[in-house]
Amino acid sequence: MNRIDSIRAKKAMSYGDLAKASGLTSAYIHLLAKGKRNNPSFEVMQKLSQALGEKVEKVFKMN
Protein backbone atom coordinates (compact mmCIF):
# COMPACT_ATOMS: atom_id res chain seq x y z
CA MET A 1 0.00 0.00 0.00
CA ASN A 2 1.21 3.49 -0.76
CA ARG A 3 0.00 7.06 -0.76
CA ILE A 4 1.48 8.11 -4.10
CA ASP A 5 -1.82 9.23 -5.61
CA SER A 6 -3.10 11.14 -2.59
CA ILE A 7 0.17 13.03 -2.08
CA ARG A 8 0.58 13.61 -5.83
CA ALA A 9 -2.93 15.05 -6.04
CA LYS A 10 -2.42 17.34 -3.03
CA LYS A 11 0.68 18.74 -4.71
CA ALA A 12 -1.16 19.11 -8.06
CA MET A 13 1.37 16.92 -9.84
CA SER A 14 0.63 14.75 -12.85
CA TYR A 15 2.22 11.35 -13.36
CA GLY A 16 4.36 13.07 -16.00
CA ASP A 17 5.54 15.69 -13.50
CA LEU A 18 6.39 12.98 -11.01
CA ALA A 19 8.18 10.96 -13.67
CA LYS A 20 10.37 13.91 -14.65
CA ALA A 21 11.18 14.70 -11.02
CA SER A 22 11.97 11.09 -10.09
CA GLY A 23 13.62 9.77 -13.25
CA LEU A 24 11.09 6.92 -13.45
CA THR A 25 8.50 6.34 -16.15
CA SER A 26 4.98 7.62 -15.67
CA ALA A 27 3.64 4.17 -16.59
CA TYR A 28 5.64 2.51 -13.81
CA ILE A 29 4.58 5.15 -11.29
CA HIS A 30 0.93 4.67 -12.30
CA LEU A 31 1.20 0.90 -11.83
CA LEU A 32 2.76 1.37 -8.38
CA ALA A 33 0.15 3.93 -7.36
CA LYS A 34 -2.72 1.66 -8.39
CA GLY A 35 -1.22 -1.39 -6.66
CA LYS A 36 -0.65 -3.28 -9.91
CA ARG A 37 3.10 -3.42 -9.24
CA ASN A 38 4.38 -4.35 -5.82
CA ASN A 39 7.62 -4.38 -3.89
CA PRO A 40 9.51 -1.49 -5.45
CA SER A 41 13.18 -1.32 -4.56
CA PHE A 42 14.22 1.04 -1.79
CA GLU A 43 15.96 3.16 -4.44
CA VAL A 44 12.65 3.58 -6.30
CA MET A 45 10.86 4.44 -3.06
CA GLN A 46 13.53 7.06 -2.30
CA LYS A 47 13.26 8.61 -5.77
CA LEU A 48 9.49 8.89 -5.58
CA SER A 49 9.50 10.19 -2.02
CA GLN A 50 12.12 12.80 -2.82
CA ALA A 51 10.18 13.90 -5.93
CA LEU A 52 7.05 14.26 -3.77
CA GLY A 53 8.98 16.10 -1.05
CA GLU A 54 8.03 13.57 1.61
CA LYS A 55 9.72 10.91 3.72
CA VAL A 56 9.68 7.33 2.43
CA GLU A 57 7.69 6.27 5.48
CA LYS A 58 4.91 8.73 4.63
CA VAL A 59 4.62 7.64 0.99
CA PHE A 60 4.99 3.90 1.50
CA LYS A 61 3.61 1.75 4.31
CA MET A 62 6.69 0.48 6.11
CA ASN A 63 6.28 -2.66 8.23
PDB file of N, CA and C in Angstrom:
ATOM      1  N   MET A   1       0.848  -1.185   0.000  1.00  0.00           N
ATOM      2  CA  MET A   1       0.000   0.000   0.000  1.00  0.00           C
ATOM      3  C   MET A   1       0.889   1.242   0.000  1.00  0.00           C
ATOM      4  N   ASN A   2       0.456   2.242  -0.728  1.00  0.00           N
ATOM      5  CA  ASN A   2       1.206   3.486  -0.755  1.00  0.00           C
ATOM      6  C   ASN A   2       0.245   4.660  -0.853  1.00  0.00           C
ATOM      7  N   ARG A   3       0.805   5.840  -0.706  1.00  0.00           N
ATOM      8  CA  ARG A   3       0.001   7.062  -0.758  1.00  0.00           C
ATOM      9  C   ARG A   3       0.431   7.945  -1.926  1.00  0.00           C
ATOM     10  N   ILE A   4       0.978   7.345  -2.966  1.00  0.00           N
ATOM     11  CA  ILE A   4       1.482   8.112  -4.100  1.00  0.00           C
ATOM     12  C   ILE A   4       0.389   9.012  -4.675  1.00  0.00           C
ATOM     13  N   ASP A   5      -0.763   8.444  -4.969  1.00  0.00           N
ATOM     14  CA  ASP A   5      -1.825   9.235  -5.606  1.00  0.00           C
ATOM     15  C   ASP A   5      -2.345  10.357  -4.713  1.00  0.00           C
ATOM     16  N   SER A   6      -2.550  10.091  -3.454  1.00  0.00           N
ATOM     17  CA  SER A   6      -3.102  11.137  -2.593  1.00  0.00           C
ATOM     18  C   SER A   6      -2.111  12.289  -2.415  1.00  0.00           C
ATOM     19  N   ILE A   7      -0.843  11.975  -2.231  1.00  0.00           N
ATOM     20  CA  ILE A   7       0.167  13.033  -2.077  1.00  0.00           C
ATOM     21  C   ILE A   7       0.367  13.763  -3.402  1.00  0.00           C
ATOM     22  N   ARG A   8       0.417  13.020  -4.491  1.00  0.00           N
ATOM     23  CA  ARG A   8       0.582  13.614  -5.826  1.00  0.00           C
ATOM     24  C   ARG A   8      -0.556  14.586  -6.117  1.00  0.00           C
ATOM     25  N   ALA A   9      -1.768  14.193  -5.794  1.00  0.00           N
ATOM     26  CA  ALA A   9      -2.934  15.049  -6.038  1.00  0.00           C
ATOM     27  C   ALA A   9      -2.892  16.311  -5.183  1.00  0.00           C
ATOM     28  N   LYS A  10      -2.510  16.179  -3.915  1.00  0.00           N
ATOM     29  CA  LYS A  10      -2.418  17.341  -3.027  1.00  0.00           C
ATOM     30  C   LYS A  10      -1.402  18.352  -3.540  1.00  0.00           C
ATOM     31  N   LYS A  11      -0.372  17.860  -4.200  1.00  0.00           N
ATOM     32  CA  LYS A  11       0.677  18.737  -4.710  1.00  0.00           C
ATOM     33  C   LYS A  11       0.422  19.145  -6.161  1.00  0.00           C
ATOM     34  N   ALA A  12      -0.745  18.779  -6.685  1.00  0.00           N
ATOM     35  CA  ALA A  12      -1.160  19.113  -8.057  1.00  0.00           C
ATOM     36  C   ALA A  12      -0.123  18.682  -9.085  1.00  0.00           C
ATOM     37  N   MET A  13       0.389  17.469  -8.906  1.00  0.00           N
ATOM     38  CA  MET A  13       1.375  16.918  -9.838  1.00  0.00           C
ATOM     39  C   MET A  13       0.711  15.858 -10.708  1.00  0.00           C
ATOM     40  N   SER A  14       1.086  15.823 -11.967  1.00  0.00           N
ATOM     41  CA  SER A  14       0.629  14.752 -12.851  1.00  0.00           C
ATOM     42  C   SER A  14       1.623  13.595 -12.738  1.00  0.00           C
ATOM     43  N   TYR A  15       1.263  12.459 -13.326  1.00  0.00           N
ATOM     44  CA  TYR A  15       2.222  11.355 -13.365  1.00  0.00           C
ATOM     45  C   TYR A  15       3.452  11.772 -14.171  1.00  0.00           C
ATOM     46  N   GLY A  16       3.246  12.572 -15.201  1.00  0.00           N
ATOM     47  CA  GLY A  16       4.363  13.068 -16.002  1.00  0.00           C
ATOM     48  C   GLY A  16       5.298  13.953 -15.197  1.00  0.00           C
ATOM     49  N   ASP A  17       4.727  14.830 -14.369  1.00  0.00           N
ATOM     50  CA  ASP A  17       5.541  15.689 -13.500  1.00  0.00           C
ATOM     51  C   ASP A  17       6.365  14.838 -12.540  1.00  0.00           C
ATOM     52  N   LEU A  18       5.718  13.847 -11.964  1.00  0.00           N
ATOM     53  CA  LEU A  18       6.388  12.977 -11.008  1.00  0.00           C
ATOM     54  C   LEU A  18       7.469  12.141 -11.690  1.00  0.00           C
ATOM     55  N   ALA A  19       7.197  11.727 -12.909  1.00  0.00           N
ATOM     56  CA  ALA A  19       8.183  10.956 -13.672  1.00  0.00           C
ATOM     57  C   ALA A  19       9.428  11.800 -13.948  1.00  0.00           C
ATOM     58  N   LYS A  20       9.238  13.031 -14.371  1.00  0.00           N
ATOM     59  CA  LYS A  20      10.374  13.915 -14.648  1.00  0.00           C
ATOM     60  C   LYS A  20      11.186  14.171 -13.387  1.00  0.00           C
ATOM     61  N   ALA A  21      10.499  14.385 -12.273  1.00  0.00           N
ATOM     62  CA  ALA A  21      11.179  14.698 -11.022  1.00  0.00           C
ATOM     63  C   ALA A  21      11.903  13.492 -10.425  1.00  0.00           C
ATOM     64  N   SER A  22      11.410  12.288 -10.709  1.00  0.00           N
ATOM     65  CA  SER A  22      11.974  11.086 -10.086  1.00  0.00           C
ATOM     66  C   SER A  22      12.912  10.313 -10.999  1.00  0.00           C
ATOM     67  N   GLY A  23      12.815  10.534 -12.311  1.00  0.00           N
ATOM     68  CA  GLY A  23      13.620   9.767 -13.245  1.00  0.00           C
ATOM     69  C   GLY A  23      13.037   8.399 -13.561  1.00  0.00           C
ATOM     70  N   LEU A  24      11.794   8.175 -13.165  1.00  0.00           N
ATOM     71  CA  LEU A  24      11.091   6.921 -13.451  1.00  0.00           C
ATOM     72  C   LEU A  24      10.061   7.176 -14.546  1.00  0.00           C
ATOM     73  N   THR A  25       9.517   6.130 -15.117  1.00  0.00           N
ATOM     74  CA  THR A  25       8.499   6.337 -16.148  1.00  0.00           C
ATOM     75  C   THR A  25       7.137   6.579 -15.511  1.00  0.00           C
ATOM     76  N   SER A  26       6.315   7.352 -16.200  1.00  0.00           N
ATOM     77  CA  SER A  26       4.980   7.625 -15.675  1.00  0.00           C
ATOM     78  C   SER A  26       4.148   6.344 -15.636  1.00  0.00           C
ATOM     79  N   ALA A  27       4.374   5.441 -16.585  1.00  0.00           N
ATOM     80  CA  ALA A  27       3.637   4.167 -16.593  1.00  0.00           C
ATOM     81  C   ALA A  27       3.961   3.344 -15.348  1.00  0.00           C
ATOM     82  N   TYR A  28       5.230   3.276 -14.991  1.00  0.00           N
ATOM     83  CA  TYR A  28       5.639   2.509 -13.810  1.00  0.00           C
ATOM     84  C   TYR A  28       5.066   3.140 -12.540  1.00  0.00           C
ATOM     85  N   ILE A  29       5.124   4.451 -12.463  1.00  0.00           N
ATOM     86  CA  ILE A  29       4.576   5.147 -11.288  1.00  0.00           C
ATOM     87  C   ILE A  29       3.075   4.883 -11.176  1.00  0.00           C
ATOM     88  N   HIS A  30       2.372   4.935 -12.295  1.00  0.00           N
ATOM     89  CA  HIS A  30       0.932   4.668 -12.298  1.00  0.00           C
ATOM     90  C   HIS A  30       0.636   3.255 -11.790  1.00  0.00           C
ATOM     91  N   LEU A  31       1.400   2.282 -12.273  1.00  0.00           N
ATOM     92  CA  LEU A  31       1.199   0.900 -11.832  1.00  0.00           C
ATOM     93  C   LEU A  31       1.459   0.754 -10.329  1.00  0.00           C
ATOM     94  N   LEU A  32       2.488   1.403  -9.828  1.00  0.00           N
ATOM     95  CA  LEU A  32       2.760   1.367  -8.383  1.00  0.00           C
ATOM     96  C   LEU A  32       1.619   2.019  -7.602  1.00  0.00           C
ATOM     97  N   ALA A  33       1.196   3.187  -8.060  1.00  0.00           N
ATOM     98  CA  ALA A  33       0.155   3.934  -7.358  1.00  0.00           C
ATOM     99  C   ALA A  33      -1.156   3.161  -7.289  1.00  0.00           C
ATOM    100  N   LYS A  34      -1.458   2.411  -8.331  1.00  0.00           N
ATOM    101  CA  LYS A  34      -2.716   1.661  -8.386  1.00  0.00           C
ATOM    102  C   LYS A  34      -2.594   0.256  -7.784  1.00  0.00           C
ATOM    103  N   GLY A  35      -1.406  -0.088  -7.284  1.00  0.00           N
ATOM    104  CA  GLY A  35      -1.221  -1.390  -6.657  1.00  0.00           C
ATOM    105  C   GLY A  35      -1.072  -2.538  -7.633  1.00  0.00           C
ATOM    106  N   LYS A  36      -0.817  -2.226  -8.904  1.00  0.00           N
ATOM    107  CA  LYS A  36      -0.646  -3.278  -9.907  1.00  0.00           C
ATOM    108  C   LYS A  36       0.795  -3.743 -10.016  1.00  0.00           C
ATOM    109  N   ARG A  37       1.694  -3.006  -9.397  1.00  0.00           N
ATOM    110  CA  ARG A  37       3.095  -3.416  -9.242  1.00  0.00           C
ATOM    111  C   ARG A  37       3.398  -3.322  -7.760  1.00  0.00           C
ATOM    112  N   ASN A  38       4.083  -4.309  -7.246  1.00  0.00           N
ATOM    113  CA  ASN A  38       4.376  -4.352  -5.819  1.00  0.00           C
ATOM    114  C   ASN A  38       5.866  -4.458  -5.576  1.00  0.00           C
ATOM    115  N   ASN A  39       6.243  -4.231  -4.357  1.00  0.00           N
ATOM    116  CA  ASN A  39       7.617  -4.383  -3.888  1.00  0.00           C
ATOM    117  C   ASN A  39       8.646  -3.596  -4.688  1.00  0.00           C
ATOM    118  N   PRO A  40       8.478  -2.276  -4.783  1.00  0.00           N
ATOM    119  CA  PRO A  40       9.511  -1.487  -5.450  1.00  0.00           C
ATOM    120  C   PRO A  40      10.796  -1.533  -4.632  1.00  0.00           C
ATOM    121  N   SER A  41      11.909  -1.346  -5.284  1.00  0.00           N
ATOM    122  CA  SER A  41      13.182  -1.320  -4.559  1.00  0.00           C
ATOM    123  C   SER A  41      13.212  -0.087  -3.662  1.00  0.00           C
ATOM    124  N   PHE A  42      14.104  -0.107  -2.675  1.00  0.00           N
ATOM    125  CA  PHE A  42      14.217   1.043  -1.788  1.00  0.00           C
ATOM    126  C   PHE A  42      14.673   2.266  -2.580  1.00  0.00           C
ATOM    127  N   GLU A  43      15.503   2.055  -3.591  1.00  0.00           N
ATOM    128  CA  GLU A  43      15.961   3.163  -4.438  1.00  0.00           C
ATOM    129  C   GLU A  43      14.776   3.835  -5.136  1.00  0.00           C
ATOM    130  N   VAL A  44      13.853   3.034  -5.655  1.00  0.00           N
ATOM    131  CA  VAL A  44      12.654   3.579  -6.302  1.00  0.00           C
ATOM    132  C   VAL A  44      11.808   4.329  -5.281  1.00  0.00           C
ATOM    133  N   MET A  45      11.639   3.768  -4.103  1.00  0.00           N
ATOM    134  CA  MET A  45      10.864   4.438  -3.058  1.00  0.00           C
ATOM    135  C   MET A  45      11.502   5.775  -2.693  1.00  0.00           C
ATOM    136  N   GLN A  46      12.830   5.817  -2.611  1.00  0.00           N
ATOM    137  CA  GLN A  46      13.527   7.063  -2.295  1.00  0.00           C
ATOM    138  C   GLN A  46      13.324   8.105  -3.395  1.00  0.00           C
ATOM    139  N   LYS A  47      13.432   7.682  -4.650  1.00  0.00           N
ATOM    140  CA  LYS A  47      13.261   8.613  -5.766  1.00  0.00           C
ATOM    141  C   LYS A  47      11.864   9.222  -5.768  1.00  0.00           C
ATOM    142  N   LEU A  48      10.862   8.390  -5.588  1.00  0.00           N
ATOM    143  CA  LEU A  48       9.489   8.894  -5.575  1.00  0.00           C
ATOM    144  C   LEU A  48       9.225   9.795  -4.374  1.00  0.00           C
ATOM    145  N   SER A  49       9.703   9.391  -3.233  1.00  0.00           N
ATOM    146  CA  SER A  49       9.499  10.187  -2.019  1.00  0.00           C
ATOM    147  C   SER A  49      10.171  11.539  -2.136  1.00  0.00           C
ATOM    148  N   GLN A  50      11.387  11.546  -2.646  1.00  0.00           N
ATOM    149  CA  GLN A  50      12.116  12.803  -2.818  1.00  0.00           C
ATOM    150  C   GLN A  50      11.387  13.704  -3.819  1.00  0.00           C
ATOM    151  N   ALA A  51      10.911  13.127  -4.920  1.00  0.00           N
ATOM    152  CA  ALA A  51      10.185  13.899  -5.929  1.00  0.00           C
ATOM    153  C   ALA A  51       8.895  14.491  -5.357  1.00  0.00           C
ATOM    154  N   LEU A  52       8.279  13.783  -4.413  1.00  0.00           N
ATOM    155  CA  LEU A  52       7.055  14.262  -3.769  1.00  0.00           C
ATOM    156  C   LEU A  52       7.344  15.182  -2.582  1.00  0.00           C
ATOM    157  N   GLY A  53       8.613  15.257  -2.179  1.00  0.00           N
ATOM    158  CA  GLY A  53       8.978  16.104  -1.048  1.00  0.00           C
ATOM    159  C   GLY A  53       8.539  15.548   0.291  1.00  0.00           C
ATOM    160  N   GLU A  54       8.476  14.238   0.380  1.00  0.00           N
ATOM    161  CA  GLU A  54       8.025  13.574   1.615  1.00  0.00           C
ATOM    162  C   GLU A  54       9.015  12.484   2.013  1.00  0.00           C
ATOM    163  N   LYS A  55       8.896  12.025   3.254  1.00  0.00           N
ATOM    164  CA  LYS A  55       9.716  10.912   3.720  1.00  0.00           C
ATOM    165  C   LYS A  55       9.171   9.606   3.143  1.00  0.00           C
ATOM    166  N   VAL A  56      10.071   8.646   2.964  1.00  0.00           N
ATOM    167  CA  VAL A  56       9.682   7.334   2.428  1.00  0.00           C
ATOM    168  C   VAL A  56       8.559   6.732   3.270  1.00  0.00           C
ATOM    169  N   GLU A  57       8.667   6.862   4.585  1.00  0.00           N
ATOM    170  CA  GLU A  57       7.685   6.269   5.485  1.00  0.00           C
ATOM    171  C   GLU A  57       6.295   6.862   5.307  1.00  0.00           C
ATOM    172  N   LYS A  58       6.214   8.100   4.842  1.00  0.00           N
ATOM    173  CA  LYS A  58       4.909   8.730   4.628  1.00  0.00           C
ATOM    174  C   LYS A  58       4.285   8.284   3.304  1.00  0.00           C
ATOM    175  N   VAL A  59       5.119   8.033   2.305  1.00  0.00           N
ATOM    176  CA  VAL A  59       4.618   7.645   0.988  1.00  0.00           C
ATOM    177  C   VAL A  59       4.288   6.157   0.925  1.00  0.00           C
ATOM    178  N   PHE A  60       5.154   5.357   1.560  1.00  0.00           N
ATOM    179  CA  PHE A  60       4.991   3.898   1.505  1.00  0.00           C
ATOM    180  C   PHE A  60       4.769   3.352   2.909  1.00  0.00           C
ATOM    181  N   LYS A  61       3.870   2.401   3.024  1.00  0.00           N
ATOM    182  CA  LYS A  61       3.614   1.751   4.314  1.00  0.00           C
ATOM    183  C   LYS A  61       4.826   0.885   4.644  1.00  0.00           C
ATOM    184  N   MET A  62       5.488   1.225   5.705  1.00  0.00           N
ATOM    185  CA  MET A  62       6.690   0.484   6.108  1.00  0.00           C
ATOM    186  C   MET A  62       6.335  -0.403   7.292  1.00  0.00           C
ATOM    187  N   ASN A  63       6.585  -1.704   7.154  1.00  0.00           N
ATOM    188  CA  ASN A  63       6.281  -2.659   8.234  1.00  0.00           C
ATOM    189  C   ASN A  63       7.424  -2.750   9.198  1.00  0.00           C
TER     190      ASN A  63
END
